């Protein structure tokens, strides 16, 4: 299974950049998202930003992850 996570671009220098992924900063290739700018949201998989997404979609993804984590915790009790 593959999973891409939403992250916000903090810095960009050509095809390289830094993104904020939760509490972590991560170096990411922006080669596949040439139009993405600082402040934009992207989906990151295996160190590559693979697609731009809206902030609303990114926040909805975080909400769904939180919901799944809560359900998993409830089931483990």
C-alpha atoms as a PDB file:
ATOM      1  CA  UNK A   1       0.000   0.000   0.000  1.00  0.00           C
ATOM      2  CA  UNK A   2       1.239   3.478  -0.833  1.00  0.00           C
ATOM      3  CA  UNK A   3       0.408   6.561   1.168  1.00  0.00           C
ATOM      4  CA  UNK A   4       0.950  10.207   0.273  1.00  0.00           C
ATOM      5  CA  UNK A   5       0.605  12.836   2.980  1.00  0.00           C
ATOM      6  CA  UNK A   6      -0.314  16.506   2.626  1.00  0.00           C
ATOM      7  CA  UNK A   7       2.439  19.003   3.385  1.00  0.00           C
ATOM      8  CA  UNK A   8       2.856  22.751   2.952  1.00  0.00           C
ATOM      9  CA  UNK A   9       5.804  24.116   0.981  1.00  0.00           C
ATOM     10  CA  UNK A  10       8.031  26.307   3.163  1.00  0.00           C
ATOM     11  CA  UNK A  11      10.942  26.943   0.790  1.00  0.00           C
ATOM     12  CA  UNK A  12      11.629  26.305  -2.863  1.00  0.00           C
ATOM     13  CA  UNK A  13      14.900  26.418  -4.804  1.00  0.00           C
ATOM     14  CA  UNK A  14      14.379  25.090  -8.312  1.00  0.00           C
ATOM     15  CA  UNK A  15      13.163  21.510  -8.071  1.00  0.00           C
ATOM     16  CA  UNK A  16      14.125  21.148  -4.397  1.00  0.00           C
ATOM     17  CA  UNK A  17      12.193  22.368  -1.425  1.00  0.00           C
ATOM     18  CA  UNK A  18      11.355  22.056   2.234  1.00  0.00           C
ATOM     19  CA  UNK A  19       7.856  21.184   3.394  1.00  0.00           C
ATOM     20  CA  UNK A  20       6.102  21.150   6.751  1.00  0.00           C
ATOM     21  CA  UNK A  21       4.689  17.691   7.412  1.00  0.00           C
ATOM     22  CA  UNK A  22       2.951  17.717  10.767  1.00  0.00           C
ATOM     23  CA  UNK A  23       5.572  18.770  13.310  1.00  0.00           C
ATOM     24  CA  UNK A  24       8.455  17.907  10.963  1.00  0.00           C
ATOM     25  CA  UNK A  25      10.297  19.764   8.226  1.00  0.00           C
ATOM     26  CA  UNK A  26      11.280  17.545   5.329  1.00  0.00           C
ATOM     27  CA  UNK A  27      13.385  18.042   2.232  1.00  0.00           C
ATOM     28  CA  UNK A  28      11.273  17.173  -0.792  1.00  0.00           C
ATOM     29  CA  UNK A  29      11.718  17.025  -4.533  1.00  0.00           C
ATOM     30  CA  UNK A  30       9.312  19.369  -6.299  1.00  0.00           C
ATOM     31  CA  UNK A  31      10.268  18.080  -9.757  1.00  0.00           C
ATOM     32  CA  UNK A  32       6.784  16.623 -10.331  1.00  0.00           C
ATOM     33  CA  UNK A  33       4.980  19.795  -9.200  1.00  0.00           C
ATOM     34  CA  UNK A  34       6.724  22.559 -11.164  1.00  0.00           C
ATOM     35  CA  UNK A  35       3.915  25.103 -10.612  1.00  0.00           C
ATOM     36  CA  UNK A  36       3.780  24.705  -6.817  1.00  0.00           C
ATOM     37  CA  UNK A  37       4.865  27.782  -4.865  1.00  0.00           C
ATOM     38  CA  UNK A  38       5.838  28.525  -1.274  1.00  0.00           C
ATOM     39  CA  UNK A  39       2.651  28.301   0.798  1.00  0.00           C
ATOM     40  CA  UNK A  40       0.993  25.759  -1.506  1.00  0.00           C
ATOM     41  CA  UNK A  41      -0.062  22.322  -0.309  1.00  0.00           C
ATOM     42  CA  UNK A  42       1.207  19.156  -1.982  1.00  0.00           C
ATOM     43  CA  UNK A  43       0.905  15.409  -1.479  1.00  0.00           C
ATOM     44  CA  UNK A  44       4.301  13.931  -0.564  1.00  0.00           C
ATOM     45  CA  UNK A  45       5.226  10.310  -1.215  1.00  0.00           C
ATOM     46  CA  UNK A  46       8.712   8.838  -0.863  1.00  0.00           C
ATOM     47  CA  UNK A  47      10.342  12.273  -0.781  1.00  0.00           C
ATOM     48  CA  UNK A  48       8.538  13.613  -3.856  1.00  0.00           C
ATOM     49  CA  UNK A  49       5.681  16.099  -4.047  1.00  0.00           C
ATOM     50  CA  UNK A  50       3.449  14.227  -6.487  1.00  0.00           C
ATOM     51  CA  UNK A  51       0.409  16.521  -6.717  1.00  0.00           C
ATOM     52  CA  UNK A  52      -0.839  19.904  -5.598  1.00  0.00           C
ATOM     53  CA  UNK A  53      -3.935  19.941  -3.363  1.00  0.00           C
ATOM     54  CA  UNK A  54      -6.069  22.644  -1.825  1.00  0.00           C
ATOM     55  CA  UNK A  55      -5.654  23.570   1.828  1.00  0.00           C
ATOM     56  CA  UNK A  56      -9.229  22.383   2.389  1.00  0.00           C
ATOM     57  CA  UNK A  57      -8.386  18.927   1.003  1.00  0.00           C
ATOM     58  CA  UNK A  58      -5.232  18.780   3.120  1.00  0.00           C
ATOM     59  CA  UNK A  59      -7.174  19.666   6.288  1.00  0.00           C
ATOM     60  CA  UNK A  60      -9.876  17.104   5.453  1.00  0.00           C
ATOM     61  CA  UNK A  61      -7.175  14.446   5.065  1.00  0.00           C
ATOM     62  CA  UNK A  62      -5.762  15.330   8.498  1.00  0.00           C
ATOM     63  CA  UNK A  63      -9.268  15.137   9.977  1.00  0.00           C
ATOM     64  CA  UNK A  64      -9.803  11.680   8.468  1.00  0.00           C
ATOM     65  CA  UNK A  65      -6.436  10.446   9.796  1.00  0.00           C
ATOM     66  CA  UNK A  66      -7.383  11.682  13.278  1.00  0.00           C
ATOM     67  CA  UNK A  67     -10.750   9.927  13.020  1.00  0.00           C
ATOM     68  CA  UNK A  68      -9.096   6.644  11.975  1.00  0.00           C
ATOM     69  CA  UNK A  69      -6.591   6.896  14.835  1.00  0.00           C
ATOM     70  CA  UNK A  70      -9.397   7.442  17.351  1.00  0.00           C
ATOM     71  CA  UNK A  71     -11.317   4.415  16.028  1.00  0.00           C
ATOM     72  CA  UNK A  72      -8.175   2.261  16.181  1.00  0.00           C
ATOM     73  CA  UNK A  73      -7.606   3.344  19.804  1.00  0.00           C
ATOM     74  CA  UNK A  74     -11.209   2.560  20.715  1.00  0.00           C
ATOM     75  CA  UNK A  75     -10.979  -0.898  19.144  1.00  0.00           C
ATOM     76  CA  UNK A  76      -7.758  -1.718  20.989  1.00  0.00           C
ATOM     77  CA  UNK A  77      -9.365  -1.083  24.402  1.00  0.00           C
END
